[in-house]
PDB file of N, CA and C in Angstrom:
ATOM      1  N   MET A   1    -132.150 -32.644 -58.636  1.00  0.00           N
ATOM      2  CA  MET A   1    -132.581 -33.065 -57.303  1.00  0.00           C
ATOM      3  C   MET A   1    -131.903 -34.387 -56.926  1.00  0.00           C
ATOM      4  N   GLU A   2    -131.345 -34.419 -55.733  1.00  0.00           N
ATOM      5  CA  GLU A   2    -130.612 -35.600 -55.266  1.00  0.00           C
ATOM      6  C   GLU A   2    -131.601 -36.690 -54.868  1.00  0.00           C
ATOM      7  N   GLU A   3    -131.365 -37.904 -55.372  1.00  0.00           N
ATOM      8  CA  GLU A   3    -132.246 -39.013 -55.015  1.00  0.00           C
ATOM      9  C   GLU A   3    -132.043 -39.376 -53.555  1.00  0.00           C
ATOM     10  N   GLU A   4    -133.111 -39.820 -52.924  1.00  0.00           N
ATOM     11  CA  GLU A   4    -133.056 -40.211 -51.525  1.00  0.00           C
ATOM     12  C   GLU A   4    -132.439 -41.605 -51.407  1.00  0.00           C
ATOM     13  N   LEU A   5    -131.314 -41.686 -50.747  1.00  0.00           N
ATOM     14  CA  LEU A   5    -130.612 -42.952 -50.573  1.00  0.00           C
ATOM     15  C   LEU A   5    -131.042 -43.617 -49.279  1.00  0.00           C
ATOM     16  N   THR A   6    -131.065 -44.933 -49.292  1.00  0.00           N
ATOM     17  CA  THR A   6    -131.249 -45.663 -48.049  1.00  0.00           C
ATOM     18  C   THR A   6    -129.910 -45.643 -47.308  1.00  0.00           C
ATOM     19  N   PHE A   7    -129.958 -46.028 -46.051  1.00  0.00           N
ATOM     20  CA  PHE A   7    -128.725 -46.096 -45.265  1.00  0.00           C
ATOM     21  C   PHE A   7    -127.730 -47.050 -45.909  1.00  0.00           C
ATOM     22  N   GLU A   8    -128.240 -48.201 -46.359  1.00  0.00           N
ATOM     23  CA  GLU A   8    -127.375 -49.206 -46.960  1.00  0.00           C
ATOM     24  C   GLU A   8    -126.727 -48.701 -48.245  1.00  0.00           C
ATOM     25  N   GLN A   9    -127.500 -47.993 -49.069  1.00  0.00           N
ATOM     26  CA  GLN A   9    -126.954 -47.439 -50.313  1.00  0.00           C
ATOM     27  C   GLN A   9    -125.889 -46.386 -50.012  1.00  0.00           C
ATOM     28  N   ALA A  10    -126.161 -45.540 -49.033  1.00  0.00           N
ATOM     29  CA  ALA A  10    -125.200 -44.497 -48.655  1.00  0.00           C
ATOM     30  C   ALA A  10    -123.911 -45.129 -48.151  1.00  0.00           C
ATOM     31  N   MET A  11    -124.030 -46.196 -47.357  1.00  0.00           N
ATOM     32  CA  MET A  11    -122.838 -46.880 -46.849  1.00  0.00           C
ATOM     33  C   MET A  11    -122.044 -47.534 -47.982  1.00  0.00           C
ATOM     34  N   GLN A  12    -122.744 -48.137 -48.941  1.00  0.00           N
ATOM     35  CA  GLN A  12    -122.054 -48.735 -50.091  1.00  0.00           C
ATOM     36  C   GLN A  12    -121.302 -47.669 -50.879  1.00  0.00           C
ATOM     37  N   ASN A  13    -121.939 -46.528 -51.094  1.00  0.00           N
ATOM     38  CA  ASN A  13    -121.280 -45.428 -51.814  1.00  0.00           C
ATOM     39  C   ASN A  13    -120.072 -44.924 -51.041  1.00  0.00           C
ATOM     40  N   LEU A  14    -120.216 -44.840 -49.731  1.00  0.00           N
ATOM     41  CA  LEU A  14    -119.111 -44.384 -48.891  1.00  0.00           C
ATOM     42  C   LEU A  14    -117.939 -45.363 -48.951  1.00  0.00           C
ATOM     43  N   GLU A  15    -118.231 -46.653 -48.927  1.00  0.00           N
ATOM     44  CA  GLU A  15    -117.177 -47.667 -49.035  1.00  0.00           C
ATOM     45  C   GLU A  15    -116.483 -47.591 -50.397  1.00  0.00           C
ATOM     46  N   LYS A  16    -117.248 -47.351 -51.450  1.00  0.00           N
ATOM     47  CA  LYS A  16    -116.671 -47.227 -52.787  1.00  0.00           C
ATOM     48  C   LYS A  16    -115.723 -46.030 -52.854  1.00  0.00           C
ATOM     49  N   ILE A  17    -116.142 -44.928 -52.274  1.00  0.00           N
ATOM     50  CA  ILE A  17    -115.293 -43.735 -52.254  1.00  0.00           C
ATOM     51  C   ILE A  17    -114.012 -44.011 -51.470  1.00  0.00           C
ATOM     52  N   ALA A  18    -114.138 -44.671 -50.332  1.00  0.00           N
ATOM     53  CA  ALA A  18    -112.956 -44.995 -49.519  1.00  0.00           C
ATOM     54  C   ALA A  18    -111.991 -45.877 -50.304  1.00  0.00           C
ATOM     55  N   ASP A  19    -112.521 -46.851 -51.032  1.00  0.00           N
ATOM     56  CA  ASP A  19    -111.675 -47.716 -51.863  1.00  0.00           C
ATOM     57  C   ASP A  19    -110.954 -46.913 -52.942  1.00  0.00           C
ATOM     58  N   GLU A  20    -111.680 -46.000 -53.581  1.00  0.00           N
ATOM     59  CA  GLU A  20    -111.077 -45.175 -54.631  1.00  0.00           C
ATOM     60  C   GLU A  20    -109.970 -44.294 -54.067  1.00  0.00           C
ATOM     61  N   LEU A  21    -110.193 -43.733 -52.891  1.00  0.00           N
ATOM     62  CA  LEU A  21    -109.182 -42.872 -52.273  1.00  0.00           C
ATOM     63  C   LEU A  21    -107.962 -43.668 -51.826  1.00  0.00           C
ATOM     64  N   GLU A  22    -108.170 -44.917 -51.403  1.00  0.00           N
ATOM     65  CA  GLU A  22    -107.057 -45.756 -50.956  1.00  0.00           C
ATOM     66  C   GLU A  22    -106.154 -46.183 -52.110  1.00  0.00           C
ATOM     67  N   LYS A  23    -106.702 -46.261 -53.321  1.00  0.00           N
ATOM     68  CA  LYS A  23    -105.907 -46.694 -54.469  1.00  0.00           C
ATOM     69  C   LYS A  23    -104.803 -45.703 -54.804  1.00  0.00           C
ATOM     70  N   ASP A  24    -104.996 -44.466 -54.397  1.00  0.00           N
ATOM     71  CA  ASP A  24    -103.950 -43.447 -54.551  1.00  0.00           C
ATOM     72  C   ASP A  24    -103.600 -43.146 -56.010  1.00  0.00           C
ATOM     73  N   ASN A  25    -104.526 -43.378 -56.941  1.00  0.00           N
ATOM     74  CA  ASN A  25    -104.225 -43.059 -58.335  1.00  0.00           C
ATOM     75  C   ASN A  25    -105.073 -41.891 -58.846  1.00  0.00           C
ATOM     76  N   LEU A  26    -105.713 -41.164 -57.928  1.00  0.00           N
ATOM     77  CA  LEU A  26    -106.521 -40.011 -58.293  1.00  0.00           C
ATOM     78  C   LEU A  26    -105.685 -38.744 -58.190  1.00  0.00           C
ATOM     79  N   ASP A  27    -105.977 -37.774 -59.059  1.00  0.00           N
ATOM     80  CA  ASP A  27    -105.289 -36.495 -58.918  1.00  0.00           C
ATOM     81  C   ASP A  27    -105.852 -35.760 -57.707  1.00  0.00           C
ATOM     82  N   LEU A  28    -105.175 -34.714 -57.289  1.00  0.00           N
ATOM     83  CA  LEU A  28    -105.531 -34.003 -56.061  1.00  0.00           C
ATOM     84  C   LEU A  28    -106.956 -33.458 -56.115  1.00  0.00           C
ATOM     85  N   ASP A  29    -107.312 -32.836 -57.229  1.00  0.00           N
ATOM     86  CA  ASP A  29    -108.651 -32.242 -57.351  1.00  0.00           C
ATOM     87  C   ASP A  29    -109.743 -33.309 -57.221  1.00  0.00           C
ATOM     88  N   THR A  30    -109.570 -34.437 -57.891  1.00  0.00           N
ATOM     89  CA  THR A  30    -110.542 -35.529 -57.819  1.00  0.00           C
ATOM     90  C   THR A  30    -110.588 -36.108 -56.411  1.00  0.00           C
ATOM     91  N   SER A  31    -109.430 -36.241 -55.788  1.00  0.00           N
ATOM     92  CA  SER A  31    -109.373 -36.761 -54.418  1.00  0.00           C
ATOM     93  C   SER A  31    -110.149 -35.861 -53.461  1.00  0.00           C
ATOM     94  N   VAL A  32    -109.980 -34.561 -53.603  1.00  0.00           N
ATOM     95  CA  VAL A  32    -110.679 -33.616 -52.732  1.00  0.00           C
ATOM     96  C   VAL A  32    -112.188 -33.706 -52.957  1.00  0.00           C
ATOM     97  N   LYS A  33    -112.605 -33.811 -54.201  1.00  0.00           N
ATOM     98  CA  LYS A  33    -114.036 -33.939 -54.510  1.00  0.00           C
ATOM     99  C   LYS A  33    -114.607 -35.236 -53.935  1.00  0.00           C
ATOM    100  N   LYS A  34    -113.869 -36.325 -54.072  1.00  0.00           N
ATOM    101  CA  LYS A  34    -114.311 -37.609 -53.529  1.00  0.00           C
ATOM    102  C   LYS A  34    -114.386 -37.542 -51.999  1.00  0.00           C
ATOM    103  N   PHE A  35    -113.402 -36.900 -51.388  1.00  0.00           N
ATOM    104  CA  PHE A  35    -113.394 -36.760 -49.938  1.00  0.00           C
ATOM    105  C   PHE A  35    -114.603 -35.951 -49.480  1.00  0.00           C
ATOM    106  N   GLU A  36    -114.880 -34.871 -50.190  1.00  0.00           N
ATOM    107  CA  GLU A  36    -116.034 -34.019 -49.862  1.00  0.00           C
ATOM    108  C   GLU A  36    -117.342 -34.814 -49.998  1.00  0.00           C
ATOM    109  N   GLU A  37    -117.463 -35.587 -51.060  1.00  0.00           N
ATOM    110  CA  GLU A  37    -118.636 -36.423 -51.274  1.00  0.00           C
ATOM    111  C   GLU A  37    -118.766 -37.454 -50.138  1.00  0.00           C
ATOM    112  N   GLY A  38    -117.641 -38.027 -49.756  1.00  0.00           N
ATOM    113  CA  GLY A  38    -117.631 -38.991 -48.667  1.00  0.00           C
ATOM    114  C   GLY A  38    -118.063 -38.374 -47.343  1.00  0.00           C
ATOM    115  N   MET A  39    -117.620 -37.150 -47.083  1.00  0.00           N
ATOM    116  CA  MET A  39    -118.010 -36.462 -45.859  1.00  0.00           C
ATOM    117  C   MET A  39    -119.514 -36.211 -45.833  1.00  0.00           C
ATOM    118  N   LYS A  40    -120.081 -35.831 -46.970  1.00  0.00           N
ATOM    119  CA  LYS A  40    -121.532 -35.604 -47.048  1.00  0.00           C
ATOM    120  C   LYS A  40    -122.290 -36.897 -46.798  1.00  0.00           C
ATOM    121  N   LEU A  41    -121.808 -37.988 -47.381  1.00  0.00           N
ATOM    122  CA  LEU A  41    -122.448 -39.291 -47.168  1.00  0.00           C
ATOM    123  C   LEU A  41    -122.327 -39.719 -45.704  1.00  0.00           C
ATOM    124  N   SER A  42    -121.176 -39.468 -45.112  1.00  0.00           N
ATOM    125  CA  SER A  42    -120.951 -39.810 -43.714  1.00  0.00           C
ATOM    126  C   SER A  42    -121.923 -39.038 -42.819  1.00  0.00           C
ATOM    127  N   GLN A  43    -122.107 -37.762 -43.096  1.00  0.00           N
ATOM    128  CA  GLN A  43    -123.044 -36.954 -42.322  1.00  0.00           C
ATOM    129  C   GLN A  43    -124.476 -37.448 -42.508  1.00  0.00           C
ATOM    130  N   LYS A  44    -124.812 -37.836 -43.739  1.00  0.00           N
ATOM    131  CA  LYS A  44    -126.150 -38.362 -44.035  1.00  0.00           C
ATOM    132  C   LYS A  44    -126.390 -39.655 -43.251  1.00  0.00           C
ATOM    133  N   CYS A  45    -125.413 -40.552 -43.240  1.00  0.00           N
ATOM    134  CA  CYS A  45    -125.532 -41.808 -42.500  1.00  0.00           C
ATOM    135  C   CYS A  45    -125.681 -41.536 -41.003  1.00  0.00           C
ATOM    136  N   ASN A  46    -124.894 -40.614 -40.502  1.00  0.00           N
ATOM    137  CA  ASN A  46    -124.958 -40.265 -39.086  1.00  0.00           C
ATOM    138  C   ASN A  46    -126.344 -39.723 -38.727  1.00  0.00           C
ATOM    139  N   LYS A  47    -126.889 -38.876 -39.591  1.00  0.00           N
ATOM    140  CA  LYS A  47    -128.219 -38.319 -39.355  1.00  0.00           C
ATOM    141  C   LYS A  47    -129.273 -39.429 -39.352  1.00  0.00           C
ATOM    142  N   MET A  48    -129.163 -40.362 -40.293  1.00  0.00           N
ATOM    143  CA  MET A  48    -130.107 -41.483 -40.353  1.00  0.00           C
ATOM    144  C   MET A  48    -130.028 -42.324 -39.081  1.00  0.00           C
ATOM    145  N   LEU A  49    -128.816 -42.567 -38.596  1.00  0.00           N
ATOM    146  CA  LEU A  49    -128.646 -43.347 -37.371  1.00  0.00           C
ATOM    147  C   LEU A  49    -129.234 -42.626 -36.165  1.00  0.00           C
ATOM    148  N   GLN A  50    -129.038 -41.306 -36.106  1.00  0.00           N
ATOM    149  CA  GLN A  50    -129.592 -40.535 -34.995  1.00  0.00           C
ATOM    150  C   GLN A  50    -131.120 -40.571 -35.019  1.00  0.00           C
ATOM    151  N   GLU A  51    -131.704 -40.457 -36.209  1.00  0.00           N
ATOM    152  CA  GLU A  51    -133.163 -40.518 -36.332  1.00  0.00           C
ATOM    153  C   GLU A  51    -133.693 -41.892 -35.915  1.00  0.00           C
ATOM    154  N   ALA A  52    -133.001 -42.943 -36.319  1.00  0.00           N
ATOM    155  CA  ALA A  52    -133.401 -44.295 -35.932  1.00  0.00           C
ATOM    156  C   ALA A  52    -133.302 -44.469 -34.416  1.00  0.00           C
ATOM    157  N   GLU A  53    -132.242 -43.934 -33.835  1.00  0.00           N
ATOM    158  CA  GLU A  53    -132.061 -44.024 -32.386  1.00  0.00           C
ATOM    159  C   GLU A  53    -133.192 -43.309 -31.654  1.00  0.00           C
ATOM    160  N   LYS A  54    -133.606 -42.143 -32.155  1.00  0.00           N
ATOM    161  CA  LYS A  54    -134.714 -41.408 -31.540  1.00  0.00           C
ATOM    162  C   LYS A  54    -136.000 -42.232 -31.594  1.00  0.00           C
ATOM    163  N   LYS A  55    -136.269 -42.852 -32.746  1.00  0.00           N
ATOM    164  CA  LYS A  55    -137.475 -43.664 -32.891  1.00  0.00           C
ATOM    165  C   LYS A  55    -137.452 -44.844 -31.926  1.00  0.00           C
ATOM    166  N   ILE A  56    -136.300 -45.486 -31.818  1.00  0.00           N
ATOM    167  CA  ILE A  56    -136.172 -46.638 -30.915  1.00  0.00           C
ATOM    168  C   ILE A  56    -136.376 -46.196 -29.472  1.00  0.00           C
ATOM    169  N   THR A  57    -135.796 -45.058 -29.107  1.00  0.00           N
ATOM    170  CA  THR A  57    -135.951 -44.532 -27.749  1.00  0.00           C
ATOM    171  C   THR A  57    -137.416 -44.256 -27.451  1.00  0.00           C
ATOM    172  N   ILE A  58    -138.126 -43.657 -28.401  1.00  0.00           N
ATOM    173  CA  ILE A  58    -139.554 -43.372 -28.216  1.00  0.00           C
ATOM    174  C   ILE A  58    -140.332 -44.674 -28.043  1.00  0.00           C
ATOM    175  N   LEU A  59    -140.031 -45.662 -28.880  1.00  0.00           N
ATOM    176  CA  LEU A  59    -140.722 -46.947 -28.772  1.00  0.00           C
ATOM    177  C   LEU A  59    -140.467 -47.627 -27.426  1.00  0.00           C
ATOM    178  N   ILE A  60    -139.239 -47.582 -26.978  1.00  0.00           N
ATOM    179  CA  ILE A  60    -138.887 -48.191 -25.687  1.00  0.00           C
ATOM    180  C   ILE A  60    -139.583 -47.451 -24.552  1.00  0.00           C
ATOM    181  N   ASP A  61    -139.553 -46.117 -24.604  1.00  0.00           N
ATOM    182  CA  ASP A  61    -140.213 -45.326 -23.559  1.00  0.00           C
ATOM    183  C   ASP A  61    -141.708 -45.611 -23.528  1.00  0.00           C
ATOM    184  N   ASP A  62    -142.336 -45.686 -24.699  1.00  0.00           N
ATOM    185  CA  ASP A  62    -143.768 -45.991 -24.765  1.00  0.00           C
ATOM    186  C   ASP A  62    -144.056 -47.371 -24.200  1.00  0.00           C
ATOM    187  N   GLU A  63    -143.221 -48.331 -24.539  1.00  0.00           N
ATOM    188  CA  GLU A  63    -143.409 -49.698 -24.054  1.00  0.00           C
ATOM    189  C   GLU A  63    -143.254 -49.746 -22.532  1.00  0.00           C
ATOM    190  N   GLU A  64    -142.285 -49.019 -21.994  1.00  0.00           N
ATOM    191  CA  GLU A  64    -142.082 -48.995 -20.537  1.00  0.00           C
ATOM    192  C   GLU A  64    -143.270 -48.344 -19.845  1.00  0.00           C
ATOM    193  N   LYS A  65    -143.829 -47.280 -20.450  1.00  0.00           N
ATOM    194  CA  LYS A  65    -144.998 -46.621 -19.873  1.00  0.00           C
ATOM    195  C   LYS A  65    -146.187 -47.574 -19.888  1.00  0.00           C
ATOM    196  N   ASP A  66    -146.399 -48.273 -21.003  1.00  0.00           N
ATOM    197  CA  ASP A  66    -147.495 -49.233 -21.094  1.00  0.00           C
ATOM    198  C   ASP A  66    -147.331 -50.334 -20.052  1.00  0.00           C
ATOM    199  N   PHE A  67    -146.124 -50.819 -19.871  1.00  0.00           N
ATOM    200  CA  PHE A  67    -145.855 -51.878 -18.901  1.00  0.00           C
ATOM    201  C   PHE A  67    -146.158 -51.383 -17.490  1.00  0.00           C
ATOM    202  N   THR A  68    -145.720 -50.151 -17.185  1.00  0.00           N
ATOM    203  CA  THR A  68    -145.947 -49.583 -15.868  1.00  0.00           C
ATOM    204  C   THR A  68    -147.442 -49.399 -15.614  1.00  0.00           C
ATOM    205  N   LEU A  69    -148.163 -48.887 -16.609  1.00  0.00           N
ATOM    206  CA  LEU A  69    -149.607 -48.694 -16.458  1.00  0.00           C
ATOM    207  C   LEU A  69    -150.332 -50.012 -16.262  1.00  0.00           C
ATOM    208  N   ASN A  70    -149.934 -51.033 -16.986  1.00  0.00           N
ATOM    209  CA  ASN A  70    -150.579 -52.339 -16.898  1.00  0.00           C
ATOM    210  C   ASN A  70    -150.303 -53.031 -15.558  1.00  0.00           C
ATOM    211  N   THR A  71    -149.158 -52.811 -14.982  1.00  0.00           N
ATOM    212  CA  THR A  71    -148.820 -53.469 -13.727  1.00  0.00           C
ATOM    213  C   THR A  71    -149.408 -52.737 -12.529  1.00  0.00           C
ATOM    214  N   GLU A  72    -149.800 -51.485 -12.694  1.00  0.00           N
ATOM    215  CA  GLU A  72    -150.366 -50.711 -11.588  1.00  0.00           C
ATOM    216  C   GLU A  72    -151.850 -50.997 -11.425  1.00  0.00           C
ATOM    217  N   GLU A  73    -152.491 -51.586 -12.411  1.00  0.00           N
ATOM    218  CA  GLU A  73    -153.941 -51.822 -12.352  1.00  0.00           C
ATOM    219  C   GLU A  73    -154.289 -52.943 -11.432  1.00  0.00           C
TER     220      GLU A  73
END
């Protein structure tokens, strides 16, 4: 079972993979595996950002509704 990474941990892992790929001393098979791992981490980070954006949007919308209700009274 894959451990649940925080956004920061996923980004650190992604940066490490990018550094390893830039060194250009990996064989093709290892490079492809690292690239695949990096793509999965990138998708995970993107999903986390989208979820955070949704939460922020909900909070902002709720705050605007509360403000509107309070000013109409």
